[in-house]
Amino acid sequence: MHVGVAALDALGPALQRLHAATDTPVTARLRWMQAWTRAYAGWEPWLVTIGAADSEVAAAAAFARRRRGPLVRLVGLGHGTTDDARFPARDADSAAQLATGVTAALAQLRRPWSLLVEQLPAACPVTDALLRGLPHARALPGQGMPMAVVGAGHRELGSFISRNARQAENKARNRLTRLEHGLVEQWTQSVDDIRAAVPGLSALHRARDRQLGRVSDHADPARAAFYADVIAGHAEAGEVDLLTLEVDGDLAAYVLGFRDGRALRVWDNRVSPAWADFSAGRLANHAAIRRVVLGTDYDVLDWMRGEEPYKLSSANVVVPTRHLEAWSSPAARLPYAVKDRVRALRGRSPTLDRAVVRIGRMGARNDD
C-alpha cells in the first residue's frame, strides 16, 4: 500500500510503464491522476500495487481517500473527471493478486469505509474478483461510451454522418453566409494557443450549462482548476487536439479532444448559447467526425461517457461500463441504502424530492 502525493510521484515512472503496457486510456493515466491530486488537495492518494519479477509494477489500483465524520471515504483517483477508469494489470495472475491486495488493504483500515469507482469496463477481472471477495459490494451500470470506429478501408463520411445530418449542416452554413457572418474553424495542438483558449472554453462551458438549467461543474473552483491543469499538462505532452469554431470573432463552439494513440477522445465539447440556433454545435461535432474519418491520425472517435443522441448518431460502437461500490459493513452502507430507497420513491411528492437533495448533501456520493 502506498499513501500520499509523494508516494504517487515516486511510483510515477513505473505506473507510466504499466499504463503503456496495458493500453490504459488517457483519463486513467498518471498525468490525469496527478492533476486531480493538485486540484482536490483534501483527498489523499491511496494506491495498491503488485510487483513483477523484474521489479516493475504488474498491476495497480489507484484510489483517493478522506474522512467524512467516522467514515473513511474512498473513490477512484480522478473521481468525477474520469470517463474511463481502469485497474491495469499485465496478466490474469496479476489481476487476481491485485484484487486480493485491495481486499487486504481495505481490511486494514481502522474505521468504517465506503468505496466508489466509476466508469470501469463491463469486463474487468479485478472488479469481478472484488465483487466476489468483498462481502458488501455491488456493481451498477455506468454510462456507455459511444465511439465511431473506422475500420481498414472504411473511411466513408456517409457511414458516420447521415444524409439528413449533412443537409442540416449545409443549411446552417448557408444561413450564416446569407446573414454575412464570418465562420472560422481551426484545429490546434499548439501549447500556447491551447493555454490561451482555456479561459474562454471554461466560460462557454459554464454559459451552456446555465442555458440548460443545470449547475455547472465549473462553478466548483477545484473542478475549474483541474480543467485548466489537465488540459495544459496534456497539451505540453502533445496530447490535446482542440477545435475552436468562431463566428464573427466570437467563440461559438469547441471540441476538446485528447490524443490517445490512434483514438481522439472527446472529453469536452460545448456550443455557445448565442450561436446554438445557428447549429454551431453541429458544425463543430461534424468537424471532429471529419478529422477522424477523413484524416490519417486516428481510427477511433471516442465521444466518452454519455449516450446522448448526437453521439449515438455517428457511433457504431457503444462500450458499456459499470460502477463498483463497496462498504465495510451493513452499518457503513446504511446512508446509501436510505438514499437509494428515497431515490426510488422520488417524484411521488415534493417532500421526498427535498429529502433526496438533503441526503445527497449529507451523504455518501457528494464527494467534492
Protein backbone atom coordinates (compact mmCIF):
# COMPACT_ATOMS: atom_id res chain seq x y z
CA MET A 1 0.00 0.00 0.00
CA HIS A 2 1.25 3.48 -0.92
CA VAL A 3 -0.22 6.60 0.66
CA GLY A 4 0.18 10.27 -0.22
CA VAL A 5 1.20 12.51 -3.09
CA ALA A 6 4.89 11.74 -2.63
CA ALA A 7 4.18 8.03 -2.96
CA LEU A 8 2.21 8.63 -6.17
CA ASP A 9 5.06 10.68 -7.61
CA ALA A 10 7.64 8.07 -6.60
CA LEU A 11 5.63 5.35 -8.34
CA GLY A 12 5.14 7.58 -11.37
CA PRO A 13 7.69 6.10 -13.80
CA ALA A 14 6.65 2.52 -13.01
CA LEU A 15 2.97 3.42 -13.35
CA GLN A 16 3.62 5.07 -16.70
CA ARG A 17 5.24 1.89 -17.98
CA LEU A 18 2.34 -0.19 -16.66
CA HIS A 19 -0.18 2.12 -18.31
CA ALA A 20 1.66 1.95 -21.62
CA ALA A 21 1.91 -1.84 -21.46
CA THR A 22 -1.81 -2.23 -20.74
CA ASP A 23 -3.15 0.46 -23.10
CA THR A 24 -4.69 2.30 -20.18
CA PRO A 25 -6.81 5.21 -21.50
CA VAL A 26 -5.75 8.79 -21.00
CA THR A 27 -8.25 9.55 -18.22
CA ALA A 28 -6.81 6.77 -16.05
CA ARG A 29 -3.10 7.52 -16.51
CA LEU A 30 -0.55 9.14 -14.23
CA ARG A 31 -0.74 12.67 -15.66
CA TRP A 32 -4.50 12.72 -15.10
CA MET A 33 -4.19 11.45 -11.53
CA GLN A 34 -1.50 13.98 -10.65
CA ALA A 35 -3.62 16.88 -11.94
CA TRP A 36 -6.54 15.58 -9.88
CA THR A 37 -4.50 15.42 -6.67
CA ARG A 38 -3.37 19.02 -7.18
CA ALA A 39 -6.95 20.25 -7.64
CA TYR A 40 -8.50 18.13 -4.89
CA ALA A 41 -5.93 18.58 -2.16
CA GLY A 42 -8.36 17.43 0.54
CA TRP A 43 -8.09 13.90 -0.83
CA GLU A 44 -5.07 11.66 -0.17
CA PRO A 45 -3.81 9.25 -2.82
CA TRP A 46 -4.08 5.63 -1.68
CA LEU A 47 -2.63 3.00 -4.03
CA VAL A 48 -2.30 -0.75 -4.01
CA THR A 49 0.29 -2.27 -6.35
CA ILE A 50 1.51 -5.74 -7.25
CA GLY A 51 5.17 -6.18 -8.11
CA ALA A 52 6.54 -8.20 -11.00
CA ALA A 53 9.63 -10.40 -11.07
CA ASP A 54 11.57 -7.73 -12.95
CA SER A 55 10.80 -5.10 -10.26
CA GLU A 56 8.16 -3.48 -12.45
CA VAL A 57 4.60 -2.85 -11.31
CA ALA A 58 2.45 -5.70 -12.59
CA ALA A 59 -0.91 -4.27 -11.51
CA ALA A 60 -2.21 -1.20 -9.70
CA ALA A 61 -5.39 0.18 -8.18
CA ALA A 62 -5.34 3.93 -7.56
CA PHE A 63 -7.77 5.41 -5.05
CA ALA A 64 -8.12 8.62 -3.08
CA ARG A 65 -9.37 8.77 0.48
CA ARG A 66 -10.54 11.22 3.11
CA ARG A 67 -12.52 11.11 6.33
CA ARG A 68 -16.18 12.06 6.43
CA GLY A 69 -17.05 12.02 10.12
CA PRO A 70 -16.47 8.47 11.36
CA LEU A 71 -16.29 7.12 7.81
CA VAL A 72 -13.29 6.77 5.51
CA ARG A 73 -14.45 7.58 2.00
CA LEU A 74 -12.53 6.06 -0.91
CA VAL A 75 -13.03 6.88 -4.57
CA GLY A 76 -11.15 6.22 -7.76
CA LEU A 77 -8.19 8.58 -8.13
CA GLY A 78 -9.67 11.01 -10.64
CA HIS A 79 -13.25 10.68 -9.38
CA GLY A 80 -15.84 12.80 -11.16
CA THR A 81 -13.50 13.67 -14.02
CA THR A 82 -12.53 10.24 -15.33
CA ASP A 83 -14.77 8.93 -18.09
CA ASP A 84 -12.88 5.67 -18.50
CA ALA A 85 -11.32 4.16 -15.36
CA ARG A 86 -9.07 1.12 -15.06
CA PHE A 87 -7.43 -1.35 -12.69
CA PRO A 88 -4.50 -2.04 -15.05
CA ALA A 89 -2.88 -5.47 -14.82
CA ARG A 90 -0.27 -7.08 -17.07
CA ASP A 91 -1.87 -10.55 -16.91
CA ALA A 92 -4.61 -12.59 -15.27
CA ASP A 93 -2.45 -13.65 -12.31
CA SER A 94 -1.55 -10.01 -11.57
CA ALA A 95 -5.22 -9.04 -11.74
CA ALA A 96 -6.15 -11.74 -9.23
CA GLN A 97 -3.33 -10.71 -6.91
CA LEU A 98 -4.39 -7.06 -7.16
CA ALA A 99 -7.94 -7.86 -6.08
CA THR A 100 -6.56 -9.82 -3.11
CA GLY A 101 -4.26 -6.93 -2.25
CA VAL A 102 -7.07 -4.36 -2.38
CA THR A 103 -9.26 -6.55 -0.18
CA ALA A 104 -6.45 -6.92 2.37
CA ALA A 105 -5.66 -3.18 2.35
CA LEU A 106 -9.30 -2.31 2.96
CA ALA A 107 -9.41 -4.76 5.87
CA GLN A 108 -6.51 -2.88 7.49
CA LEU A 109 -8.43 0.40 7.67
CA ARG A 110 -9.25 1.22 11.26
CA ARG A 111 -12.53 2.95 10.52
CA PRO A 112 -15.71 2.09 8.67
CA TRP A 113 -15.23 2.76 4.98
CA SER A 114 -17.08 3.15 1.72
CA LEU A 115 -15.71 2.80 -1.80
CA LEU A 116 -16.87 4.06 -5.18
CA VAL A 117 -15.05 3.66 -8.50
CA GLU A 118 -16.99 4.83 -11.55
CA GLN A 119 -16.73 4.01 -15.26
CA LEU A 120 -14.88 0.72 -15.04
CA PRO A 121 -15.05 -1.66 -18.01
CA ALA A 122 -18.02 -4.00 -18.05
CA ALA A 123 -15.49 -6.84 -18.36
CA CYS A 124 -12.84 -6.22 -15.70
CA PRO A 125 -11.34 -9.22 -13.89
CA VAL A 126 -10.22 -7.14 -10.92
CA THR A 127 -13.74 -5.77 -10.43
CA ASP A 128 -15.18 -9.27 -10.75
CA ALA A 129 -12.80 -10.57 -8.10
CA LEU A 130 -13.55 -7.67 -5.75
CA LEU A 131 -17.28 -8.31 -6.10
CA ARG A 132 -16.65 -11.90 -5.04
CA GLY A 133 -14.18 -11.05 -2.29
CA LEU A 134 -15.84 -8.09 -0.59
CA PRO A 135 -18.92 -9.10 1.41
CA HIS A 136 -20.73 -5.78 0.94
CA ALA A 137 -20.14 -4.81 -2.68
CA ARG A 138 -22.20 -4.28 -5.78
CA ALA A 139 -21.82 -3.24 -9.40
CA LEU A 140 -24.15 -0.73 -11.04
CA PRO A 141 -24.44 0.12 -14.74
CA GLY A 142 -22.21 3.02 -15.73
CA GLN A 143 -22.60 5.40 -18.64
CA GLY A 144 -21.96 3.90 -22.04
CA MET A 145 -19.27 5.42 -24.26
CA PRO A 146 -20.32 5.85 -27.91
CA MET A 147 -17.49 5.54 -30.42
CA ALA A 148 -17.08 5.89 -34.16
CA VAL A 149 -14.60 3.17 -35.06
CA VAL A 150 -13.13 3.48 -38.54
CA GLY A 151 -12.13 0.12 -39.99
CA ALA A 152 -9.46 -0.51 -42.60
CA GLY A 153 -10.63 0.80 -45.95
CA HIS A 154 -13.77 2.18 -44.33
CA ARG A 155 -13.35 5.93 -44.34
CA GLU A 156 -16.61 6.95 -45.96
CA LEU A 157 -18.12 10.02 -44.31
CA GLY A 158 -21.64 8.87 -45.13
CA SER A 159 -21.21 5.94 -42.76
CA PHE A 160 -20.88 8.34 -39.83
CA ILE A 161 -22.83 11.47 -40.83
CA SER A 162 -26.21 10.74 -42.36
CA ARG A 163 -27.50 12.45 -45.47
CA ASN A 164 -30.08 14.36 -43.41
CA ALA A 165 -27.38 15.49 -40.98
CA ARG A 166 -25.20 16.72 -43.84
CA GLN A 167 -28.15 18.60 -45.31
CA ALA A 168 -28.81 20.24 -41.94
CA GLU A 169 -25.15 21.24 -41.75
CA ASN A 170 -25.25 22.77 -45.22
CA LYS A 171 -28.39 24.65 -44.31
CA ALA A 172 -26.67 26.09 -41.22
CA ARG A 173 -23.61 27.14 -43.22
CA ASN A 174 -25.76 28.74 -45.91
CA ARG A 175 -27.69 30.67 -43.29
CA LEU A 176 -24.51 32.05 -41.77
CA THR A 177 -23.29 33.06 -45.22
CA ARG A 178 -26.61 34.67 -46.14
CA LEU A 179 -26.54 36.77 -42.98
CA GLU A 180 -22.90 37.67 -43.68
CA HIS A 181 -21.48 36.03 -40.58
CA GLY A 182 -17.83 35.08 -40.77
CA LEU A 183 -17.14 31.45 -39.82
CA VAL A 184 -13.66 30.24 -38.87
CA GLU A 185 -12.87 26.64 -37.86
CA GLN A 186 -9.39 25.93 -36.52
CA TRP A 187 -7.71 22.86 -35.10
CA THR A 188 -4.65 23.40 -32.96
CA GLN A 189 -2.16 21.38 -30.98
CA SER A 190 -0.08 24.42 -30.01
CA VAL A 191 0.61 24.58 -26.28
CA ASP A 192 0.44 28.38 -26.23
CA ASP A 193 -2.79 28.51 -28.23
CA ILE A 194 -4.45 25.89 -26.04
CA ARG A 195 -3.38 27.60 -22.81
CA ALA A 196 -4.71 30.91 -24.11
CA ALA A 197 -8.02 29.30 -25.09
CA VAL A 198 -8.79 27.65 -21.74
CA PRO A 199 -10.46 30.65 -20.00
CA GLY A 200 -12.78 31.10 -22.97
CA LEU A 201 -13.58 27.39 -23.08
CA SER A 202 -14.42 27.36 -19.38
CA ALA A 203 -16.60 30.48 -19.69
CA LEU A 204 -18.54 28.96 -22.59
CA HIS A 205 -18.81 25.67 -20.66
CA ARG A 206 -20.47 27.49 -17.76
CA ALA A 207 -22.72 29.55 -20.03
CA ARG A 208 -24.02 26.47 -21.81
CA ASP A 209 -24.71 24.74 -18.51
CA ARG A 210 -26.68 27.76 -17.29
CA GLN A 211 -28.69 27.78 -20.51
CA LEU A 212 -29.60 24.14 -19.93
CA GLY A 213 -30.71 24.95 -16.38
CA ARG A 214 -28.07 23.00 -14.52
CA VAL A 215 -25.39 23.95 -12.02
CA SER A 216 -22.11 23.92 -13.92
CA ASP A 217 -19.31 21.70 -12.67
CA HIS A 218 -17.03 24.66 -13.43
CA ALA A 219 -18.77 26.61 -10.66
CA ASP A 220 -16.65 24.42 -8.37
CA PRO A 221 -13.22 26.08 -8.08
CA ALA A 222 -11.50 22.70 -7.72
CA ARG A 223 -13.09 21.36 -10.90
CA ALA A 224 -12.27 24.53 -12.83
CA ALA A 225 -8.66 24.36 -11.60
CA PHE A 226 -8.42 20.70 -12.60
CA TYR A 227 -9.80 21.54 -16.05
CA ALA A 228 -7.11 24.13 -16.72
CA ASP A 229 -4.34 21.99 -15.24
CA VAL A 230 -5.16 18.74 -17.00
CA ILE A 231 -5.55 20.43 -20.38
CA ALA A 232 -2.26 22.32 -20.02
CA GLY A 233 -0.38 19.22 -18.89
CA HIS A 234 -1.61 17.09 -21.75
CA ALA A 235 -1.04 19.91 -24.25
CA GLU A 236 2.59 20.09 -23.19
CA ALA A 237 2.85 16.36 -23.82
CA GLY A 238 1.37 16.80 -27.31
CA GLU A 239 -1.83 15.02 -26.33
CA VAL A 240 -4.51 17.67 -26.94
CA ASP A 241 -6.34 18.33 -30.19
CA LEU A 242 -8.59 21.39 -29.92
CA LEU A 243 -11.14 22.67 -32.41
CA THR A 244 -12.44 26.20 -31.98
CA LEU A 245 -15.30 27.42 -34.14
CA GLU A 246 -15.68 31.21 -34.22
CA VAL A 247 -18.46 33.28 -35.72
CA ASP A 248 -17.63 36.96 -36.23
CA GLY A 249 -14.68 36.50 -33.90
CA ASP A 250 -16.86 35.09 -31.11
CA LEU A 251 -16.23 31.57 -29.76
CA ALA A 252 -19.36 29.75 -30.93
CA ALA A 253 -18.42 26.14 -30.20
CA TYR A 254 -15.45 23.94 -29.44
CA VAL A 255 -14.38 20.31 -29.31
CA LEU A 256 -11.61 19.43 -26.85
CA GLY A 257 -10.13 16.01 -27.51
CA PHE A 258 -7.21 14.06 -26.10
CA ARG A 259 -4.85 12.31 -28.49
CA ASP A 260 -4.62 8.77 -27.14
CA GLY A 261 -2.72 6.61 -29.61
CA ARG A 262 -4.99 6.22 -32.65
CA ALA A 263 -8.03 7.49 -30.74
CA LEU A 264 -9.34 11.04 -30.37
CA ARG A 265 -11.15 11.08 -27.04
CA VAL A 266 -13.61 13.99 -26.87
CA TRP A 267 -13.71 14.95 -23.21
CA ASP A 268 -15.45 18.33 -23.51
CA ASN A 269 -17.47 19.97 -26.26
CA ARG A 270 -19.90 22.84 -25.94
CA VAL A 271 -21.86 25.33 -28.02
CA SER A 272 -22.37 28.97 -27.10
CA PRO A 273 -25.97 29.88 -26.22
CA ALA A 274 -25.59 32.88 -28.55
CA TRP A 275 -24.97 30.61 -31.54
CA ALA A 276 -26.91 27.48 -30.67
CA ASP A 277 -29.76 28.46 -33.01
CA PHE A 278 -27.23 28.57 -35.84
CA SER A 279 -26.28 24.91 -35.22
CA ALA A 280 -22.73 25.84 -34.26
CA GLY A 281 -22.51 22.72 -32.10
CA ARG A 282 -23.44 20.51 -35.04
CA LEU A 283 -20.80 22.17 -37.20
CA ALA A 284 -18.12 21.59 -34.56
CA ASN A 285 -19.08 17.97 -33.93
CA HIS A 286 -19.15 17.22 -37.65
CA ALA A 287 -15.67 18.73 -37.93
CA ALA A 288 -14.48 16.26 -35.30
CA ILE A 289 -16.02 13.36 -37.19
CA ARG A 290 -14.34 14.50 -40.41
CA ARG A 291 -10.99 14.83 -38.67
CA VAL A 292 -11.12 11.16 -37.67
CA VAL A 293 -12.87 9.62 -40.66
CA LEU A 294 -11.15 11.56 -43.45
CA GLY A 295 -7.79 12.13 -41.78
CA THR A 296 -4.83 9.86 -41.19
CA ASP A 297 -4.11 10.43 -37.48
CA TYR A 298 -6.98 8.49 -35.90
CA ASP A 299 -9.02 5.32 -36.23
CA VAL A 300 -11.44 5.99 -33.35
CA LEU A 301 -13.56 8.96 -32.35
CA ASP A 302 -14.44 8.32 -28.71
CA TRP A 303 -17.27 10.56 -27.51
CA MET A 304 -16.63 9.27 -23.97
CA ARG A 305 -19.27 8.89 -21.29
CA GLY A 306 -22.93 9.65 -22.02
CA GLU A 307 -25.26 8.21 -24.63
CA GLU A 308 -26.61 11.50 -25.99
CA PRO A 309 -28.38 11.37 -29.37
CA TYR A 310 -25.76 13.48 -31.14
CA LYS A 311 -23.08 10.99 -30.09
CA LEU A 312 -25.10 7.94 -31.00
CA SER A 313 -25.89 9.35 -34.44
CA SER A 314 -22.27 8.85 -35.54
CA ALA A 315 -21.30 5.91 -33.32
CA ASN A 316 -21.06 2.33 -34.49
CA VAL A 317 -19.98 1.01 -31.08
CA VAL A 318 -21.18 1.76 -27.56
CA VAL A 319 -18.75 0.50 -24.92
CA PRO A 320 -20.55 -0.48 -21.69
CA THR A 321 -19.18 0.42 -18.26
CA ARG A 322 -20.06 -0.19 -14.64
CA HIS A 323 -19.55 1.40 -11.24
CA LEU A 324 -18.12 -0.51 -8.28
CA GLU A 325 -19.46 0.28 -4.81
CA ALA A 326 -18.44 -1.41 -1.56
CA TRP A 327 -18.75 -0.90 2.18
CA SER A 328 -17.01 -2.26 5.25
CA SER A 329 -20.28 -3.33 6.89
CA PRO A 330 -24.07 -3.01 6.65
CA ALA A 331 -23.84 -0.08 9.07
CA ALA A 332 -21.44 1.77 6.76
CA ARG A 333 -23.84 1.13 3.89
CA LEU A 334 -26.89 2.44 5.74
CA PRO A 335 -26.74 6.08 4.48
CA TYR A 336 -26.50 4.77 0.93
CA ALA A 337 -29.37 2.33 1.44
CA VAL A 338 -31.57 5.14 2.74
CA LYS A 339 -30.61 7.32 -0.18
CA ASP A 340 -31.35 4.52 -2.66
CA ARG A 341 -34.76 3.97 -1.08
CA VAL A 342 -35.69 7.63 -1.16
CA ARG A 343 -34.43 7.95 -4.72
CA ALA A 344 -36.66 5.04 -5.76
CA LEU A 345 -39.63 6.98 -4.43
CA ARG A 346 -38.50 10.29 -5.85
CA GLY A 347 -41.04 12.22 -7.85
CA ARG A 348 -44.03 11.00 -5.85
CA SER A 349 -44.08 14.09 -3.68
CA PRO A 350 -42.19 17.39 -3.27
CA THR A 351 -41.31 16.36 0.28
CA LEU A 352 -39.46 13.28 -0.95
CA ASP A 353 -37.69 15.29 -3.62
CA ARG A 354 -36.40 17.68 -0.98
CA ALA A 355 -35.33 14.70 1.15
CA VAL A 356 -33.23 13.37 -1.71
CA VAL A 357 -31.49 16.72 -2.02
CA ARG A 358 -30.79 16.84 1.73
CA ILE A 359 -29.46 13.30 1.82
CA GLY A 360 -27.36 13.97 -1.25
CA ARG A 361 -25.72 16.90 0.53
CA MET A 362 -25.09 14.90 3.68
CA GLY A 363 -24.37 11.51 2.36
CA ALA A 364 -22.26 9.27 0.54
CA ARG A 365 -21.82 10.30 -3.04
CA ASN A 366 -21.29 14.00 -2.62
CA ASP A 367 -17.53 13.82 -2.93
CA ASP A 368 -16.48 17.39 -3.74
